[in-house]
Amino acid sequence: MKTKRIFITAVLLLAALWGVPRRAAAQIFAVRANALAACGATLNAGAEAALTDNWSLELSGYWNPVQTASLSMNFHAVQLGGRYWFYESFVGRFLGQHLTYVGYDLGSRTKRYKGHACGLGVSYGYAWMLSKRWNVAVEAGVGLYRTKDTRRDPTVGDWDDEYIYHYRRWTLAPTKLEVSFSYIF
C-alpha cells in the first residue's frame, strides 16, 4: 500500500513537472559553489534549473566535517528553494524562498549542542554575468527554524552526575549568506 502511494505521488509529480513551461534560451541549468562557505571549511555544491524566464528552482547541500577534541563544527544541511528573477533567470536582482534541513553537532570544550533544525526563509540577491557561461551572485536571507537539540557538558567524567538539557524552540536566524560562482549550461 505504501509503495503504491509513493509510485502514484512520483507519477503525479513527474506529470506536473512535464507541464511546466520551458525556456527557449540555451541557458537553463547551472552548478555553483559558495566561496564564503569554503572560507569556513564548509563544502558546498548547488544546482539550479530555470523553469521559466523569471523562475528557477535550486538545490544546495552543505557539509562541514570539522570535529576535534576542543572544537566541533560538524553539520550537514540541505536547502531547496525557488527564485524569482526580475530580469531573466541567472541575471540581475532576485527574490528567493527556501526550505532548509540542518543536522548539527556544535561545541567547544565546555558545551556541546547536538540536534537538528528545519525551517523556511526568504532571501534577496543579485547576479552578475562574468561571461557567457560564468556568473557570480551575492545573496543574503533570513528565516524561521524549528530546532530540537540536546545540550551537555563534555567535561563531566564517566562516574559523575550529568545534566542533559533537551530544547525545542523556534529561532529567527540567518538562512543564507553567500557569494557563489556558477557555471551555466
N, C-alpha and C. Protein backbone atom coordinates (compact mmCIF):
# COMPACT_ATOMS: atom_id res chain seq x y z
N MET A 1 0.82 -1.19 0.00
CA MET A 1 0.00 0.00 0.00
C MET A 1 0.87 1.25 0.00
N LYS A 2 1.92 1.23 0.84
CA LYS A 2 2.79 2.40 0.94
C LYS A 2 3.57 2.60 -0.36
N THR A 3 4.06 1.53 -0.97
CA THR A 3 4.80 1.66 -2.23
C THR A 3 3.89 2.13 -3.35
N LYS A 4 2.62 1.75 -3.29
CA LYS A 4 1.67 2.20 -4.31
C LYS A 4 1.46 3.71 -4.20
N ARG A 5 1.35 4.24 -2.95
CA ARG A 5 1.21 5.69 -2.75
C ARG A 5 2.44 6.44 -3.24
N ILE A 6 3.62 5.89 -2.95
CA ILE A 6 4.86 6.54 -3.39
C ILE A 6 4.91 6.57 -4.91
N PHE A 7 4.54 5.47 -5.56
CA PHE A 7 4.55 5.41 -7.01
C PHE A 7 3.57 6.41 -7.61
N ILE A 8 2.36 6.49 -7.06
CA ILE A 8 1.36 7.43 -7.57
C ILE A 8 1.82 8.87 -7.37
N THR A 9 2.41 9.16 -6.21
CA THR A 9 2.94 10.50 -5.96
C THR A 9 4.04 10.85 -6.95
N ALA A 10 4.95 9.91 -7.21
CA ALA A 10 6.04 10.16 -8.15
C ALA A 10 5.51 10.40 -9.56
N VAL A 11 4.52 9.63 -9.98
CA VAL A 11 3.94 9.80 -11.31
C VAL A 11 3.25 11.16 -11.41
N LEU A 12 2.49 11.55 -10.38
CA LEU A 12 1.82 12.85 -10.41
C LEU A 12 2.82 14.01 -10.41
N LEU A 13 3.91 13.88 -9.64
CA LEU A 13 4.94 14.90 -9.63
C LEU A 13 5.62 15.01 -10.98
N LEU A 14 5.92 13.88 -11.59
CA LEU A 14 6.53 13.87 -12.92
C LEU A 14 5.60 14.49 -13.95
N ALA A 15 4.31 14.19 -13.87
CA ALA A 15 3.33 14.77 -14.80
C ALA A 15 3.23 16.28 -14.60
N ALA A 16 3.28 16.73 -13.34
CA ALA A 16 3.21 18.18 -13.07
C ALA A 16 4.45 18.89 -13.60
N LEU A 17 5.62 18.29 -13.42
CA LEU A 17 6.84 18.91 -13.93
C LEU A 17 6.89 18.88 -15.45
N TRP A 18 6.28 17.88 -16.07
CA TRP A 18 6.25 17.80 -17.53
C TRP A 18 5.48 18.97 -18.12
N GLY A 19 4.48 19.44 -17.40
CA GLY A 19 3.65 20.54 -17.89
C GLY A 19 4.21 21.92 -17.61
N VAL A 20 5.35 22.02 -16.91
CA VAL A 20 5.95 23.31 -16.61
C VAL A 20 6.47 23.94 -17.90
N PRO A 21 6.19 25.23 -18.13
CA PRO A 21 6.71 25.87 -19.34
C PRO A 21 8.23 25.83 -19.37
N ARG A 22 8.77 25.63 -20.55
CA ARG A 22 10.22 25.54 -20.69
C ARG A 22 10.75 26.79 -21.37
N ARG A 23 12.00 27.07 -21.07
CA ARG A 23 12.65 28.23 -21.68
C ARG A 23 13.12 27.90 -23.08
N ALA A 24 13.10 28.91 -23.91
CA ALA A 24 13.62 28.75 -25.26
C ALA A 24 15.12 29.04 -25.32
N ALA A 25 15.62 29.72 -24.31
CA ALA A 25 17.04 30.08 -24.29
C ALA A 25 17.90 28.86 -23.99
N ALA A 26 19.19 28.98 -24.30
CA ALA A 26 20.10 27.85 -24.11
C ALA A 26 20.53 27.71 -22.65
N GLN A 27 20.49 28.79 -21.86
CA GLN A 27 20.99 28.75 -20.50
C GLN A 27 19.87 28.37 -19.54
N ILE A 28 19.76 27.08 -19.25
CA ILE A 28 18.65 26.62 -18.41
C ILE A 28 19.11 25.89 -17.15
N PHE A 29 20.40 25.65 -16.99
CA PHE A 29 20.88 24.88 -15.86
C PHE A 29 22.22 25.43 -15.40
N ALA A 30 22.44 25.48 -14.09
CA ALA A 30 23.70 25.98 -13.55
C ALA A 30 24.13 25.14 -12.35
N VAL A 31 25.44 25.00 -12.17
CA VAL A 31 26.01 24.40 -10.96
C VAL A 31 26.85 25.49 -10.31
N ARG A 32 26.90 25.48 -8.97
CA ARG A 32 27.60 26.56 -8.29
C ARG A 32 28.27 26.08 -7.01
N ALA A 33 29.17 26.93 -6.54
CA ALA A 33 29.86 26.71 -5.27
C ALA A 33 29.89 28.04 -4.52
N ASN A 34 29.70 27.97 -3.21
CA ASN A 34 29.66 29.15 -2.36
C ASN A 34 31.07 29.42 -1.82
N ALA A 35 31.64 30.56 -2.20
CA ALA A 35 33.00 30.90 -1.78
C ALA A 35 33.07 31.24 -0.29
N LEU A 36 32.03 31.87 0.26
CA LEU A 36 32.04 32.20 1.69
C LEU A 36 31.99 30.94 2.56
N ALA A 37 31.23 29.94 2.14
CA ALA A 37 31.17 28.69 2.88
C ALA A 37 32.53 27.99 2.86
N ALA A 38 33.21 28.03 1.72
CA ALA A 38 34.53 27.40 1.61
C ALA A 38 35.54 28.05 2.56
N CYS A 39 35.40 29.35 2.80
CA CYS A 39 36.30 30.04 3.74
C CYS A 39 36.13 29.52 5.17
N GLY A 40 34.95 29.00 5.50
CA GLY A 40 34.70 28.44 6.82
C GLY A 40 34.85 26.93 6.87
N ALA A 41 35.55 26.34 5.93
CA ALA A 41 35.81 24.90 5.83
C ALA A 41 34.54 24.09 5.59
N THR A 42 33.52 24.72 5.00
CA THR A 42 32.28 24.03 4.68
C THR A 42 32.26 23.70 3.20
N LEU A 43 32.09 22.43 2.89
CA LEU A 43 31.98 22.01 1.50
C LEU A 43 30.55 22.28 1.03
N ASN A 44 30.42 22.85 -0.17
CA ASN A 44 29.12 23.25 -0.67
C ASN A 44 29.05 23.00 -2.17
N ALA A 45 27.91 22.52 -2.61
CA ALA A 45 27.62 22.39 -4.04
C ALA A 45 26.14 22.63 -4.24
N GLY A 46 25.82 23.27 -5.34
CA GLY A 46 24.42 23.56 -5.62
C GLY A 46 24.14 23.44 -7.09
N ALA A 47 22.87 23.23 -7.40
CA ALA A 47 22.41 23.16 -8.78
C ALA A 47 21.15 24.00 -8.88
N GLU A 48 20.96 24.61 -10.04
CA GLU A 48 19.80 25.45 -10.26
C GLU A 48 19.31 25.25 -11.68
N ALA A 49 18.02 25.15 -11.84
CA ALA A 49 17.41 24.96 -13.16
C ALA A 49 16.36 26.04 -13.39
N ALA A 50 16.40 26.65 -14.57
CA ALA A 50 15.42 27.66 -14.93
C ALA A 50 14.13 26.96 -15.36
N LEU A 51 13.03 27.31 -14.73
CA LEU A 51 11.74 26.73 -15.08
C LEU A 51 11.03 27.58 -16.14
N THR A 52 11.11 28.91 -15.99
CA THR A 52 10.57 29.86 -16.96
C THR A 52 11.58 30.98 -17.11
N ASP A 53 11.22 32.05 -17.80
CA ASP A 53 12.14 33.18 -17.94
C ASP A 53 12.44 33.85 -16.61
N ASN A 54 11.51 33.81 -15.67
CA ASN A 54 11.71 34.52 -14.41
C ASN A 54 11.75 33.63 -13.17
N TRP A 55 11.57 32.34 -13.30
CA TRP A 55 11.57 31.44 -12.14
C TRP A 55 12.63 30.37 -12.31
N SER A 56 13.30 30.07 -11.21
CA SER A 56 14.26 28.97 -11.20
C SER A 56 14.12 28.19 -9.90
N LEU A 57 14.55 26.95 -9.93
CA LEU A 57 14.50 26.04 -8.79
C LEU A 57 15.92 25.66 -8.44
N GLU A 58 16.26 25.72 -7.14
CA GLU A 58 17.62 25.43 -6.72
C GLU A 58 17.66 24.37 -5.63
N LEU A 59 18.76 23.64 -5.58
CA LEU A 59 19.03 22.65 -4.54
C LEU A 59 20.49 22.77 -4.15
N SER A 60 20.76 22.97 -2.87
CA SER A 60 22.13 23.12 -2.38
C SER A 60 22.37 22.18 -1.20
N GLY A 61 23.59 21.71 -1.10
CA GLY A 61 23.99 20.87 0.01
C GLY A 61 25.24 21.43 0.67
N TYR A 62 25.30 21.33 2.00
CA TYR A 62 26.43 21.84 2.77
C TYR A 62 26.90 20.74 3.71
N TRP A 63 28.22 20.67 3.93
CA TRP A 63 28.77 19.70 4.86
C TRP A 63 30.05 20.28 5.45
N ASN A 64 30.14 20.27 6.77
CA ASN A 64 31.33 20.71 7.47
C ASN A 64 31.80 19.57 8.35
N PRO A 65 32.96 18.96 8.03
CA PRO A 65 33.42 17.80 8.79
C PRO A 65 34.34 18.13 9.97
N VAL A 66 34.51 19.40 10.32
CA VAL A 66 35.48 19.77 11.36
C VAL A 66 35.00 19.28 12.72
N GLN A 67 35.79 18.41 13.33
CA GLN A 67 35.49 17.92 14.67
C GLN A 67 36.80 17.51 15.33
N THR A 68 37.16 18.26 16.36
CA THR A 68 38.38 17.98 17.12
C THR A 68 37.99 17.83 18.59
N ALA A 69 38.98 17.61 19.43
CA ALA A 69 38.70 17.47 20.86
C ALA A 69 38.22 18.77 21.48
N SER A 70 38.70 19.91 20.97
CA SER A 70 38.33 21.20 21.56
C SER A 70 37.28 21.97 20.77
N LEU A 71 37.00 21.58 19.53
CA LEU A 71 36.06 22.33 18.70
C LEU A 71 35.30 21.38 17.78
N SER A 72 34.00 21.57 17.72
CA SER A 72 33.19 20.77 16.81
C SER A 72 32.30 21.71 16.00
N MET A 73 32.44 21.65 14.68
CA MET A 73 31.57 22.40 13.78
C MET A 73 30.96 21.42 12.78
N ASN A 74 30.73 20.22 13.20
CA ASN A 74 30.25 19.16 12.33
C ASN A 74 28.76 19.36 12.05
N PHE A 75 28.41 19.62 10.79
CA PHE A 75 27.00 19.75 10.42
C PHE A 75 26.81 19.41 8.95
N HIS A 76 25.58 19.11 8.60
CA HIS A 76 25.19 18.92 7.21
C HIS A 76 23.84 19.61 7.01
N ALA A 77 23.63 20.15 5.82
CA ALA A 77 22.40 20.89 5.54
C ALA A 77 22.00 20.70 4.09
N VAL A 78 20.70 20.77 3.85
CA VAL A 78 20.14 20.71 2.50
C VAL A 78 19.14 21.85 2.38
N GLN A 79 19.23 22.60 1.28
CA GLN A 79 18.30 23.69 1.02
C GLN A 79 17.66 23.49 -0.35
N LEU A 80 16.34 23.58 -0.38
CA LEU A 80 15.57 23.53 -1.61
C LEU A 80 14.82 24.84 -1.72
N GLY A 81 14.94 25.51 -2.85
CA GLY A 81 14.29 26.81 -2.95
C GLY A 81 13.95 27.21 -4.36
N GLY A 82 13.22 28.28 -4.45
CA GLY A 82 12.87 28.87 -5.72
C GLY A 82 13.30 30.32 -5.74
N ARG A 83 13.58 30.81 -6.93
CA ARG A 83 13.98 32.21 -7.09
C ARG A 83 13.11 32.87 -8.15
N TYR A 84 12.70 34.09 -7.86
CA TYR A 84 12.01 34.91 -8.85
C TYR A 84 13.00 35.96 -9.32
N TRP A 85 13.34 35.94 -10.61
CA TRP A 85 14.30 36.87 -11.21
C TRP A 85 13.53 38.03 -11.82
N PHE A 86 13.93 39.24 -11.52
CA PHE A 86 13.23 40.42 -12.03
C PHE A 86 13.51 40.66 -13.51
N TYR A 87 14.69 40.29 -14.01
CA TYR A 87 15.03 40.50 -15.42
C TYR A 87 14.86 39.19 -16.19
N GLU A 88 15.74 38.26 -15.98
CA GLU A 88 15.63 36.91 -16.52
C GLU A 88 16.49 36.00 -15.66
N SER A 89 16.29 34.70 -15.79
CA SER A 89 17.00 33.74 -14.94
C SER A 89 18.51 33.90 -15.07
N PHE A 90 19.17 33.86 -13.91
CA PHE A 90 20.63 33.90 -13.77
C PHE A 90 21.23 35.30 -14.01
N VAL A 91 20.41 36.35 -14.14
CA VAL A 91 20.92 37.70 -14.39
C VAL A 91 20.12 38.71 -13.57
N GLY A 92 20.82 39.58 -12.85
CA GLY A 92 20.17 40.70 -12.16
C GLY A 92 19.64 40.36 -10.78
N ARG A 93 18.67 41.18 -10.32
CA ARG A 93 18.10 41.03 -8.98
C ARG A 93 17.14 39.84 -8.91
N PHE A 94 17.05 39.24 -7.70
CA PHE A 94 16.10 38.15 -7.50
C PHE A 94 15.65 38.09 -6.04
N LEU A 95 14.47 37.54 -5.86
CA LEU A 95 13.95 37.20 -4.54
C LEU A 95 13.90 35.69 -4.46
N GLY A 96 14.23 35.15 -3.30
CA GLY A 96 14.23 33.71 -3.14
C GLY A 96 13.45 33.28 -1.92
N GLN A 97 12.96 32.06 -1.95
CA GLN A 97 12.37 31.42 -0.79
C GLN A 97 12.93 30.00 -0.76
N HIS A 98 13.15 29.48 0.45
CA HIS A 98 13.80 28.18 0.55
C HIS A 98 13.37 27.44 1.82
N LEU A 99 13.42 26.13 1.71
CA LEU A 99 13.22 25.21 2.83
C LEU A 99 14.58 24.65 3.20
N THR A 100 14.83 24.51 4.50
CA THR A 100 16.15 24.07 4.95
C THR A 100 16.02 22.98 6.00
N TYR A 101 16.92 21.99 5.93
CA TYR A 101 17.10 21.00 6.98
C TYR A 101 18.57 21.01 7.38
N VAL A 102 18.84 21.06 8.69
CA VAL A 102 20.21 21.07 9.20
C VAL A 102 20.32 20.06 10.33
N GLY A 103 21.33 19.22 10.27
CA GLY A 103 21.70 18.34 11.38
C GLY A 103 23.06 18.81 11.89
N TYR A 104 23.21 18.97 13.20
CA TYR A 104 24.44 19.58 13.69
C TYR A 104 24.94 18.95 14.98
N ASP A 105 26.24 19.09 15.19
CA ASP A 105 26.95 18.74 16.42
C ASP A 105 27.99 19.83 16.62
N LEU A 106 27.62 20.86 17.36
CA LEU A 106 28.46 22.05 17.53
C LEU A 106 28.91 22.15 18.98
N GLY A 107 30.09 22.70 19.20
CA GLY A 107 30.50 22.91 20.57
C GLY A 107 31.97 23.18 20.75
N SER A 108 32.31 23.34 22.03
CA SER A 108 33.69 23.58 22.45
C SER A 108 34.01 22.61 23.58
N ARG A 109 35.05 22.89 24.33
CA ARG A 109 35.41 22.01 25.45
C ARG A 109 34.37 22.03 26.57
N THR A 110 33.63 23.12 26.71
CA THR A 110 32.71 23.26 27.85
C THR A 110 31.24 23.03 27.51
N LYS A 111 30.84 23.16 26.29
CA LYS A 111 29.43 22.97 25.91
C LYS A 111 29.35 22.23 24.58
N ARG A 112 28.30 21.43 24.45
CA ARG A 112 28.07 20.69 23.22
C ARG A 112 26.59 20.77 22.87
N TYR A 113 26.28 21.09 21.61
CA TYR A 113 24.91 21.18 21.11
C TYR A 113 24.77 20.18 19.98
N LYS A 114 23.85 19.24 20.13
CA LYS A 114 23.65 18.23 19.10
C LYS A 114 22.16 18.14 18.81
N GLY A 115 21.79 18.26 17.53
CA GLY A 115 20.38 18.20 17.19
C GLY A 115 20.15 18.47 15.72
N HIS A 116 18.93 18.92 15.42
CA HIS A 116 18.59 19.24 14.04
C HIS A 116 17.60 20.41 14.01
N ALA A 117 17.49 21.03 12.84
CA ALA A 117 16.60 22.17 12.66
C ALA A 117 15.96 22.09 11.28
N CYS A 118 14.73 22.52 11.20
CA CYS A 118 14.01 22.61 9.93
C CYS A 118 13.40 24.00 9.86
N GLY A 119 13.38 24.58 8.69
CA GLY A 119 12.81 25.91 8.60
C GLY A 119 12.61 26.39 7.19
N LEU A 120 12.05 27.58 7.10
CA LEU A 120 11.87 28.22 5.81
C LEU A 120 12.30 29.66 5.91
N GLY A 121 12.74 30.21 4.77
CA GLY A 121 13.25 31.56 4.78
C GLY A 121 13.08 32.26 3.46
N VAL A 122 13.41 33.53 3.46
CA VAL A 122 13.38 34.36 2.26
C VAL A 122 14.75 34.99 2.08
N SER A 123 15.08 35.34 0.85
CA SER A 123 16.38 35.94 0.58
C SER A 123 16.26 36.94 -0.57
N TYR A 124 17.30 37.75 -0.68
CA TYR A 124 17.40 38.73 -1.76
C TYR A 124 18.82 38.66 -2.28
N GLY A 125 18.98 38.81 -3.59
CA GLY A 125 20.32 38.75 -4.15
C GLY A 125 20.42 39.40 -5.50
N TYR A 126 21.65 39.38 -6.00
CA TYR A 126 21.95 39.96 -7.30
C TYR A 126 23.00 39.10 -7.97
N ALA A 127 22.85 38.87 -9.28
CA ALA A 127 23.79 38.05 -10.04
C ALA A 127 24.36 38.85 -11.20
N TRP A 128 25.68 38.77 -11.40
CA TRP A 128 26.36 39.43 -12.50
C TRP A 128 26.89 38.38 -13.45
N MET A 129 26.72 38.60 -14.74
CA MET A 129 27.30 37.71 -15.75
C MET A 129 28.76 38.09 -15.94
N LEU A 130 29.66 37.16 -15.75
CA LEU A 130 31.08 37.40 -15.99
C LEU A 130 31.45 37.10 -17.43
N SER A 131 30.79 36.09 -17.99
CA SER A 131 30.97 35.70 -19.39
C SER A 131 29.70 34.95 -19.80
N LYS A 132 29.75 34.34 -20.97
CA LYS A 132 28.57 33.61 -21.44
C LYS A 132 28.21 32.45 -20.52
N ARG A 133 29.19 31.82 -19.91
CA ARG A 133 28.96 30.63 -19.09
C ARG A 133 29.19 30.83 -17.60
N TRP A 134 29.78 31.92 -17.17
CA TRP A 134 30.11 32.13 -15.77
C TRP A 134 29.37 33.33 -15.20
N ASN A 135 28.90 33.20 -13.96
CA ASN A 135 28.36 34.37 -13.26
C ASN A 135 28.71 34.28 -11.78
N VAL A 136 28.56 35.40 -11.10
CA VAL A 136 28.78 35.47 -9.66
C VAL A 136 27.51 36.07 -9.06
N ALA A 137 27.08 35.53 -7.94
CA ALA A 137 25.86 36.00 -7.28
C ALA A 137 26.15 36.25 -5.81
N VAL A 138 25.50 37.29 -5.29
CA VAL A 138 25.56 37.63 -3.87
C VAL A 138 24.15 37.49 -3.33
N GLU A 139 23.99 36.79 -2.20
CA GLU A 139 22.65 36.54 -1.66
C GLU A 139 22.69 36.54 -0.13
N ALA A 140 21.66 37.12 0.47
CA ALA A 140 21.51 37.12 1.93
C ALA A 140 20.06 36.83 2.26
N GLY A 141 19.82 36.06 3.33
CA GLY A 141 18.46 35.71 3.68
C GLY A 141 18.29 35.46 5.16
N VAL A 142 17.04 35.46 5.58
CA VAL A 142 16.67 35.23 6.97
C VAL A 142 15.47 34.28 6.98
N GLY A 143 15.34 33.51 8.06
CA GLY A 143 14.23 32.56 8.12
C GLY A 143 13.90 32.15 9.54
N LEU A 144 12.89 31.33 9.64
CA LEU A 144 12.40 30.82 10.91
C LEU A 144 12.66 29.32 10.98
N TYR A 145 13.38 28.89 12.03
CA TYR A 145 13.73 27.49 12.22
C TYR A 145 13.01 26.90 13.43
N ARG A 146 12.65 25.63 13.32
CA ARG A 146 12.20 24.84 14.47
C ARG A 146 13.37 23.94 14.83
N THR A 147 13.95 24.16 16.00
CA THR A 147 15.14 23.40 16.40
C THR A 147 14.81 22.45 17.55
N LYS A 148 15.45 21.30 17.53
CA LYS A 148 15.40 20.32 18.61
C LYS A 148 16.83 19.90 18.85
N ASP A 149 17.35 20.19 20.05
CA ASP A 149 18.72 19.79 20.32
C ASP A 149 18.91 19.38 21.78
N THR A 150 20.06 18.78 22.00
CA THR A 150 20.47 18.34 23.32
C THR A 150 21.74 19.09 23.67
N ARG A 151 21.77 19.65 24.89
CA ARG A 151 22.95 20.37 25.36
C ARG A 151 23.54 19.61 26.53
N ARG A 152 24.85 19.48 26.51
CA ARG A 152 25.51 18.78 27.60
C ARG A 152 26.91 19.33 27.81
N ASP A 153 27.48 19.00 28.96
CA ASP A 153 28.83 19.42 29.31
C ASP A 153 29.77 18.24 29.05
N PRO A 154 30.65 18.34 28.03
CA PRO A 154 31.51 17.19 27.71
C PRO A 154 32.65 16.97 28.69
N THR A 155 32.83 17.86 29.68
CA THR A 155 33.93 17.70 30.65
C THR A 155 33.55 16.81 31.82
N VAL A 156 32.28 16.39 31.93
CA VAL A 156 31.84 15.55 33.03
C VAL A 156 32.42 14.15 32.86
N GLY A 157 32.94 13.60 33.93
CA GLY A 157 33.54 12.27 33.89
C GLY A 157 32.50 11.17 33.78
N ASP A 158 32.96 9.96 33.55
CA ASP A 158 32.07 8.81 33.39
C ASP A 158 31.30 8.48 34.67
N TRP A 159 31.86 8.77 35.84
CA TRP A 159 31.24 8.39 37.11
C TRP A 159 30.55 9.56 37.81
N ASP A 160 30.52 10.73 37.17
CA ASP A 160 29.90 11.91 37.77
C ASP A 160 28.47 12.07 37.26
N ASP A 161 27.68 12.78 38.07
CA ASP A 161 26.32 13.11 37.63
C ASP A 161 26.40 14.16 36.52
N GLU A 162 25.47 14.04 35.57
CA GLU A 162 25.48 14.95 34.44
C GLU A 162 24.07 15.42 34.14
N TYR A 163 23.95 16.71 33.89
CA TYR A 163 22.67 17.27 33.46
C TYR A 163 22.67 17.34 31.93
N ILE A 164 21.64 16.78 31.35
CA ILE A 164 21.46 16.86 29.91
C ILE A 164 20.18 17.64 29.67
N TYR A 165 20.28 18.70 28.88
CA TYR A 165 19.13 19.56 28.61
C TYR A 165 18.62 19.30 27.20
N HIS A 166 17.31 19.13 27.08
CA HIS A 166 16.67 18.96 25.79
C HIS A 166 15.87 20.22 25.48
N TYR A 167 16.13 20.84 24.32
CA TYR A 167 15.46 22.08 23.95
C TYR A 167 14.69 21.90 22.66
N ARG A 168 13.52 22.51 22.61
CA ARG A 168 12.72 22.64 21.40
C ARG A 168 12.28 24.09 21.34
N ARG A 169 12.59 24.74 20.25
CA ARG A 169 12.25 26.16 20.18
C ARG A 169 12.18 26.62 18.72
N TRP A 170 11.57 27.80 18.54
CA TRP A 170 11.54 28.50 17.26
C TRP A 170 12.63 29.55 17.30
N THR A 171 13.39 29.67 16.21
CA THR A 171 14.51 30.61 16.16
C THR A 171 14.47 31.39 14.85
N LEU A 172 14.56 32.71 14.95
CA LEU A 172 14.73 33.55 13.77
C LEU A 172 16.23 33.73 13.57
N ALA A 173 16.72 33.31 12.40
CA ALA A 173 18.17 33.30 12.19
C ALA A 173 18.50 33.52 10.71
N PRO A 174 19.75 33.87 10.42
CA PRO A 174 20.17 33.97 9.02
C PRO A 174 20.10 32.59 8.37
N THR A 175 19.59 32.54 7.15
CA THR A 175 19.49 31.27 6.43
C THR A 175 20.46 31.20 5.26
N LYS A 176 20.84 32.34 4.74
CA LYS A 176 21.77 32.37 3.62
C LYS A 176 22.68 33.58 3.73
N LEU A 177 23.91 33.36 3.41
CA LEU A 177 24.88 34.43 3.21
C LEU A 177 25.91 33.83 2.27
N GLU A 178 25.84 34.20 1.02
CA GLU A 178 26.74 33.56 0.06
C GLU A 178 27.19 34.49 -1.04
N VAL A 179 28.40 34.22 -1.47
CA VAL A 179 28.97 34.75 -2.70
C VAL A 179 29.30 33.52 -3.52
N SER A 180 28.50 33.25 -4.53
CA SER A 180 28.65 31.99 -5.25
C SER A 180 29.06 32.23 -6.70
N PHE A 181 29.85 31.29 -7.19
CA PHE A 181 30.29 31.29 -8.58
C PHE A 181 29.56 30.15 -9.29
N SER A 182 28.95 30.46 -10.44
CA SER A 182 28.13 29.48 -11.16
C SER A 182 28.67 29.27 -12.56
N TYR A 183 28.58 28.02 -12.99
CA TYR A 183 28.82 27.68 -14.39
C TYR A 183 27.47 27.34 -14.99
N ILE A 184 27.12 28.03 -16.07
CA ILE A 184 25.79 27.89 -16.68
C ILE A 184 25.90 27.04 -17.95
N PHE A 185 25.03 26.04 -18.04
CA PHE A 185 24.98 25.16 -19.22
C PHE A 185 23.95 25.68 -20.20
